[in-house]
């Protein structure tokens, strides 16, 4: 799964004109959708209306996205597409699997366009928090991405013993840490940058060993 390139990124400038136009259309659909959904609510904006505002056909929309939920969740879906791309190329250099996953996700965050992606991701997450259908769609996407990531691990790396179970658990822990980091990032009053999200992810992952050893004590 190849991560999407921003219409304004240096990589986009190297694409053929036709591909740049497709990319600009995709970006326009995302930006317009997030704006309209944010102003009026996800359910109040029809797909026909979104396409009319961007001046594209529904056929063009469905060449880019599978549903309204997909366009609204595009920022984080693009991030996880980049994670899978990094996972395909990262070396098996003795790191623990959870460290490899963490490094791959941080590298994926770094591939996103700094200010543009961060603003879109913030709008998307705030919208998802009040839109049940986006939450359900996001869970389905997370499941598909997890299965793809585990298939990459199985194909590329030799894991000892119960490595398949441990790979599942390591990825589950990464996802939990990412969601804690993302929730904190969205809730903060300012400073919604790629760099800050990566720092929050690192901090959340650093708490994982302690989470496994913390004992529940009876309150005094």
Protein backbone atom coordinates (compact mmCIF):
# COMPACT_ATOMS: atom_id res chain seq x y z
CA UNK A 1 0.00 0.00 0.00
CA UNK A 2 1.66 3.21 -1.16
CA UNK A 3 1.21 6.38 0.91
CA UNK A 4 -0.51 9.31 -0.75
CA UNK A 5 1.63 12.29 -1.71
CA UNK A 6 0.48 15.84 -1.02
CA UNK A 7 -0.30 18.02 -4.02
CA UNK A 8 2.16 20.58 -2.63
CA UNK A 9 5.01 18.28 -1.65
CA UNK A 10 8.38 18.14 -3.46
CA UNK A 11 7.59 14.57 -4.52
CA UNK A 12 4.40 15.74 -6.23
CA UNK A 13 6.35 18.17 -8.39
CA UNK A 14 8.14 15.19 -9.96
CA UNK A 15 4.91 13.47 -11.01
CA UNK A 16 3.47 13.65 -14.55
CA UNK A 17 0.88 16.39 -15.08
CA UNK A 18 -2.02 13.92 -15.12
CA UNK A 19 -0.98 12.47 -11.76
CA UNK A 20 -0.56 15.95 -10.27
CA UNK A 21 -4.10 16.80 -11.36
CA UNK A 22 -5.44 13.62 -9.77
CA UNK A 23 -3.59 14.47 -6.59
CA UNK A 24 -5.00 18.00 -6.52
CA UNK A 25 -8.51 16.60 -6.97
CA UNK A 26 -7.99 14.18 -4.10
CA UNK A 27 -6.69 16.95 -1.84
CA UNK A 28 -9.63 19.19 -2.79
CA UNK A 29 -12.09 16.43 -1.89
CA UNK A 30 -10.44 15.91 1.50
CA UNK A 31 -10.22 19.61 2.36
CA UNK A 32 -13.75 20.38 1.20
CA UNK A 33 -15.21 17.35 2.96
CA UNK A 34 -13.55 18.19 6.27
CA UNK A 35 -14.68 21.80 5.99
CA UNK A 36 -18.31 20.95 5.17
CA UNK A 37 -18.53 18.07 7.65
CA UNK A 38 -17.00 20.25 10.36
CA UNK A 39 -19.40 23.12 9.75
CA UNK A 40 -22.64 21.20 9.26
CA UNK A 41 -22.06 17.68 10.53
CA UNK A 42 -21.11 14.51 8.69
CA UNK A 43 -24.65 13.28 8.05
CA UNK A 44 -25.95 16.68 6.89
CA UNK A 45 -23.66 16.78 3.84
CA UNK A 46 -24.55 14.48 0.97
CA UNK A 47 -22.05 12.93 -1.40
CA UNK A 48 -23.76 14.71 -4.30
CA UNK A 49 -23.28 18.06 -2.57
CA UNK A 50 -19.61 17.38 -1.85
CA UNK A 51 -18.99 16.46 -5.49
CA UNK A 52 -20.86 19.55 -6.69
CA UNK A 53 -18.75 21.88 -4.52
CA UNK A 54 -15.49 20.33 -5.75
CA UNK A 55 -16.93 20.14 -9.29
CA UNK A 56 -16.20 16.48 -9.85
CA UNK A 57 -18.41 13.52 -10.71
CA UNK A 58 -19.34 10.78 -8.27
CA UNK A 59 -17.34 8.47 -10.51
CA UNK A 60 -14.25 10.61 -9.84
CA UNK A 61 -15.00 10.54 -6.11
CA UNK A 62 -15.16 6.75 -6.08
CA UNK A 63 -11.88 6.52 -7.96
CA UNK A 64 -10.32 8.15 -4.90
CA UNK A 65 -12.43 7.00 -1.97
CA UNK A 66 -14.75 4.16 -1.15
CA UNK A 67 -17.18 6.19 0.97
CA UNK A 68 -17.81 9.47 2.78
CA UNK A 69 -16.16 7.91 5.81
CA UNK A 70 -13.01 7.22 3.81
CA UNK A 71 -12.61 10.83 2.69
CA UNK A 72 -13.20 12.04 6.25
CA UNK A 73 -10.65 9.59 7.65
CA UNK A 74 -8.11 10.13 4.85
CA UNK A 75 -5.43 11.85 7.00
CA UNK A 76 -4.97 8.91 9.37
CA UNK A 77 -5.52 6.35 6.63
CA UNK A 78 -2.70 8.00 4.68
CA UNK A 79 -0.49 7.80 7.77
CA UNK A 80 -1.05 4.06 8.14
CA UNK A 81 -0.49 3.53 4.42
CA UNK A 82 2.89 5.19 4.93
CA UNK A 83 3.52 2.92 7.96
CA UNK A 84 2.98 -0.16 5.79
CA UNK A 85 5.30 1.27 3.16
CA UNK A 86 8.04 1.85 5.75
CA UNK A 87 7.49 -1.64 7.16
CA UNK A 88 8.17 -3.12 3.75
CA UNK A 89 11.68 -1.62 3.66
CA UNK A 90 12.92 -1.34 7.26
CA UNK A 91 15.80 -3.67 8.16
CA UNK A 92 15.68 -6.49 10.70
CA UNK A 93 18.60 -5.14 12.71
CA UNK A 94 18.12 -6.66 16.13
CA UNK A 95 15.49 -4.24 17.40
CA UNK A 96 12.58 -5.67 19.31
CA UNK A 97 9.44 -5.97 17.23
CA UNK A 98 7.65 -3.28 19.21
CA UNK A 99 10.62 -0.93 18.69
CA UNK A 100 10.59 -1.70 14.97
CA UNK A 101 6.86 -0.91 14.80
CA UNK A 102 7.36 2.28 16.80
CA UNK A 103 10.21 3.48 14.58
CA UNK A 104 8.22 2.67 11.45
CA UNK A 105 5.24 4.71 12.64
CA UNK A 106 7.43 7.66 13.63
CA UNK A 107 9.03 7.51 10.17
CA UNK A 108 5.53 7.46 8.64
CA UNK A 109 4.55 10.57 10.64
CA UNK A 110 7.67 12.25 9.32
CA UNK A 111 6.59 11.49 5.74
CA UNK A 112 3.37 13.44 6.16
CA UNK A 113 3.29 17.09 5.03
CA UNK A 114 4.03 19.07 8.18
CA UNK A 115 1.34 21.73 8.60
CA UNK A 116 -1.18 20.57 6.00
CA UNK A 117 -1.40 17.01 7.24
CA UNK A 118 -1.46 18.00 10.91
CA UNK A 119 -4.41 20.36 10.38
CA UNK A 120 -6.33 17.77 8.37
CA UNK A 121 -5.64 15.06 10.95
CA UNK A 122 -6.84 17.34 13.74
CA UNK A 123 -10.09 18.16 11.91
CA UNK A 124 -10.64 14.50 11.08
CA UNK A 125 -10.16 13.25 14.63
CA UNK A 126 -12.42 15.93 16.09
CA UNK A 127 -15.09 15.02 13.55
CA UNK A 128 -14.70 11.29 14.26
CA UNK A 129 -15.24 11.88 17.99
CA UNK A 130 -18.82 12.99 17.29
CA UNK A 131 -19.61 10.77 14.29
CA UNK A 132 -20.37 7.12 15.19
CA UNK A 133 -20.18 5.85 11.60
CA UNK A 134 -16.63 7.20 11.29
CA UNK A 135 -15.66 5.36 14.47
CA UNK A 136 -17.02 2.05 13.17
CA UNK A 137 -15.39 2.60 9.78
CA UNK A 138 -12.10 3.42 11.48
CA UNK A 139 -12.19 0.16 13.43
CA UNK A 140 -12.70 -1.82 10.22
CA UNK A 141 -9.82 0.03 8.58
CA UNK A 142 -7.62 -0.63 11.62
CA UNK A 143 -8.38 -4.36 11.40
CA UNK A 144 -7.49 -4.50 7.69
CA UNK A 145 -4.28 -2.53 8.24
CA UNK A 146 -3.26 -4.76 11.15
CA UNK A 147 -3.73 -7.90 9.07
CA UNK A 148 -1.67 -6.38 6.26
CA UNK A 149 1.10 -5.35 8.64
CA UNK A 150 1.24 -8.80 10.20
CA UNK A 151 1.41 -10.38 6.75
CA UNK A 152 4.41 -8.15 5.97
CA UNK A 153 6.10 -9.21 9.21
CA UNK A 154 5.46 -12.89 8.52
CA UNK A 155 6.86 -12.58 5.00
CA UNK A 156 9.92 -10.50 5.85
CA UNK A 157 11.09 -11.56 9.30
CA UNK A 158 11.94 -14.82 11.04
CA UNK A 159 10.23 -14.90 14.44
CA UNK A 160 11.12 -17.57 17.02
CA UNK A 161 8.65 -19.81 18.79
CA UNK A 162 5.31 -18.09 19.31
CA UNK A 163 6.42 -15.17 17.18
CA UNK A 164 3.06 -14.87 15.44
CA UNK A 165 1.26 -14.34 18.75
CA UNK A 166 3.93 -11.90 19.90
CA UNK A 167 3.72 -9.98 16.63
CA UNK A 168 -0.04 -9.58 17.12
CA UNK A 169 0.48 -8.37 20.68
CA UNK A 170 3.29 -6.00 19.71
CA UNK A 171 1.15 -4.42 17.02
CA UNK A 172 -1.82 -4.19 19.40
CA UNK A 173 0.41 -2.38 21.89
CA UNK A 174 1.61 0.04 19.22
CA UNK A 175 -1.99 0.80 18.25
CA UNK A 176 -2.92 1.40 21.89
CA UNK A 177 0.05 3.72 22.37
CA UNK A 178 -0.77 5.58 19.17
CA UNK A 179 -4.37 6.16 20.19
CA UNK A 180 -3.28 7.45 23.62
CA UNK A 181 -0.80 9.78 21.89
CA UNK A 182 -3.37 10.90 19.33
CA UNK A 183 -6.03 11.59 21.97
CA UNK A 184 -3.61 13.73 23.96
CA UNK A 185 -2.45 15.52 20.82
CA UNK A 186 -6.01 16.37 19.76
CA UNK A 187 -6.97 17.52 23.28
CA UNK A 188 -4.06 19.93 23.73
CA UNK A 189 -4.96 23.62 23.20
CA UNK A 190 -2.19 24.35 20.68
CA UNK A 191 0.97 22.92 19.13
CA UNK A 192 -0.70 20.42 16.82
CA UNK A 193 2.37 19.54 14.82
CA UNK A 194 3.72 16.36 13.32
CA UNK A 195 6.73 16.61 15.61
CA UNK A 196 4.63 16.86 18.75
CA UNK A 197 2.54 13.84 17.74
CA UNK A 198 5.75 11.83 17.19
CA UNK A 199 7.03 12.90 20.63
CA UNK A 200 3.76 11.86 22.23
CA UNK A 201 3.95 8.50 20.49
CA UNK A 202 7.50 7.95 21.75
CA UNK A 203 6.42 8.85 25.28
CA UNK A 204 3.41 6.52 25.18
CA UNK A 205 5.53 3.64 23.86
CA UNK A 206 8.05 4.25 26.66
CA UNK A 207 5.26 3.50 29.15
CA UNK A 208 4.50 0.07 27.68
CA UNK A 209 7.03 -1.93 29.76
CA UNK A 210 5.73 -0.32 32.94
CA UNK A 211 2.14 -1.07 31.93
CA UNK A 212 3.05 -4.78 31.78
CA UNK A 213 4.61 -4.81 35.25
CA UNK A 214 2.44 -2.35 37.19
CA UNK A 215 0.66 -4.13 40.04
CA UNK A 216 -2.84 -3.35 41.23
CA UNK A 217 -2.74 -2.49 44.93
CA UNK A 218 -5.70 -2.15 47.28
CA UNK A 219 -6.37 1.48 48.13
CA UNK A 220 -5.64 2.43 51.71
